[in-house]
Protein backbone atom coordinates (compact mmCIF):
# COMPACT_ATOMS: atom_id res chain seq x y z
CA UNK A 1 -23.73 -33.93 -31.65
CA UNK A 2 -21.81 -33.11 -28.47
CA UNK A 3 -18.87 -31.86 -30.53
CA UNK A 4 -21.08 -29.44 -32.46
CA UNK A 5 -22.36 -27.93 -29.22
CA UNK A 6 -18.85 -27.65 -27.83
CA UNK A 7 -17.65 -26.02 -31.05
CA UNK A 8 -20.55 -23.57 -30.90
CA UNK A 9 -19.72 -22.57 -27.30
CA UNK A 10 -16.01 -22.20 -28.06
CA UNK A 11 -16.72 -20.05 -31.12
CA UNK A 12 -19.09 -17.82 -29.14
CA UNK A 13 -16.51 -17.37 -26.36
CA UNK A 14 -13.75 -16.62 -28.87
CA UNK A 15 -15.78 -13.96 -30.65
CA UNK A 16 -16.91 -12.40 -27.36
CA UNK A 17 -13.40 -12.26 -25.95
CA UNK A 18 -11.97 -10.76 -29.14
CA UNK A 19 -14.62 -8.01 -29.05
CA UNK A 20 -13.73 -7.31 -25.41
CA UNK A 21 -10.05 -7.01 -26.31
CA UNK A 22 -10.81 -4.61 -29.16
CA UNK A 23 -13.06 -2.51 -26.96
CA UNK A 24 -10.52 -2.33 -24.14
CA UNK A 25 -7.79 -1.43 -26.65
CA UNK A 26 -9.77 1.55 -27.89
CA UNK A 27 -10.73 2.69 -24.39
CA UNK A 28 -7.18 2.37 -23.09
CA UNK A 29 -5.91 4.26 -26.13
CA UNK A 30 -8.40 7.05 -25.44
CA UNK A 31 -7.28 7.16 -21.82
CA UNK A 32 -3.54 7.27 -22.59
CA UNK A 33 -3.42 9.20 -25.88
CA UNK A 34 -2.38 12.85 -25.82
CA UNK A 35 -5.13 13.66 -28.31
CA UNK A 36 -8.35 12.02 -29.50
CA UNK A 37 -6.92 11.43 -32.99
CA UNK A 38 -4.36 8.97 -31.57
CA UNK A 39 -6.83 7.04 -29.40
CA UNK A 40 -7.42 4.28 -31.95
CA UNK A 41 -3.80 3.95 -33.08
CA UNK A 42 -3.22 0.73 -31.07
CA UNK A 43 -6.35 -0.74 -32.62
CA UNK A 44 -5.17 0.22 -36.11
CA UNK A 45 -1.75 -1.35 -35.56
CA UNK A 46 -3.15 -4.83 -34.74
CA UNK A 47 -3.77 -5.85 -38.39
CA UNK A 48 -0.49 -4.24 -39.44
CA UNK A 49 1.43 -6.29 -36.87
CA UNK A 50 -0.39 -9.46 -37.90
CA UNK A 51 0.40 -8.83 -41.56
CA UNK A 52 4.08 -8.21 -40.88
CA UNK A 53 4.56 -11.24 -38.60
CA UNK A 54 2.44 -13.95 -40.27
CA UNK A 55 4.92 -15.11 -42.91
CA UNK A 56 8.00 -15.11 -40.62
CA UNK A 57 6.01 -17.04 -38.00
CA UNK A 58 4.91 -19.61 -40.58
CA UNK A 59 8.49 -20.03 -41.81
CA UNK A 60 9.76 -20.42 -38.24
CA UNK A 61 7.13 -23.09 -37.53
CA UNK A 62 7.90 -24.90 -40.76
CA UNK A 63 11.58 -25.05 -39.87
CA UNK A 64 11.44 -25.74 -36.11
CA UNK A 65 7.91 -27.04 -35.54
CA UNK A 66 4.70 -25.64 -34.15
CA UNK A 67 5.66 -26.31 -30.56
CA UNK A 68 8.70 -24.03 -30.76
CA UNK A 69 6.67 -21.42 -32.66
CA UNK A 70 3.92 -21.29 -30.06
CA UNK A 71 6.43 -21.27 -27.19
CA UNK A 72 8.25 -18.34 -28.79
CA UNK A 73 4.94 -16.52 -29.32
CA UNK A 74 4.01 -17.03 -25.67
CA UNK A 75 7.43 -15.80 -24.57
CA UNK A 76 7.22 -12.69 -26.77
CA UNK A 77 3.66 -11.98 -25.65
CA UNK A 78 4.67 -12.26 -22.02
CA UNK A 79 7.72 -10.06 -22.59
CA UNK A 80 5.54 -7.41 -24.26
CA UNK A 81 3.04 -7.43 -21.42
CA UNK A 82 5.22 -5.52 -18.99
CA UNK A 83 6.15 -2.49 -21.12
CA UNK A 84 2.62 -2.34 -22.53
CA UNK A 85 0.99 -2.24 -19.11
CA UNK A 86 3.42 0.15 -17.40
CA UNK A 87 1.89 3.36 -18.89
CA UNK A 88 -1.49 2.31 -17.51
CA UNK A 89 -0.02 1.94 -14.02
CA UNK A 90 1.70 5.32 -14.21
CA UNK A 91 -1.43 7.02 -15.49
CA UNK A 92 -3.66 5.55 -12.76
CA UNK A 93 -1.24 6.48 -9.97
CA UNK A 94 -0.93 10.07 -11.17
CA UNK A 95 -4.66 10.75 -11.40
């Protein structure tokens, strides 16, 4: 019974955090976009990026193992953090 409760809490936290990410993506896009029509472009590109990368990621993990796949994903995510956050820093310092 303890595992069911833990699973329930983890699922609730996962869904809440994913909604927060989606909301912050749209708000940041609105803040940085030159026009309101481009504000949700980052949000629209999330499923496109997932679609394009799912099969290559699965093949990489099949060949080299899940550990290497997750380490590479963490490395790429960390490498993408810097260029993705730099426009926000420039925009906040100029306002």
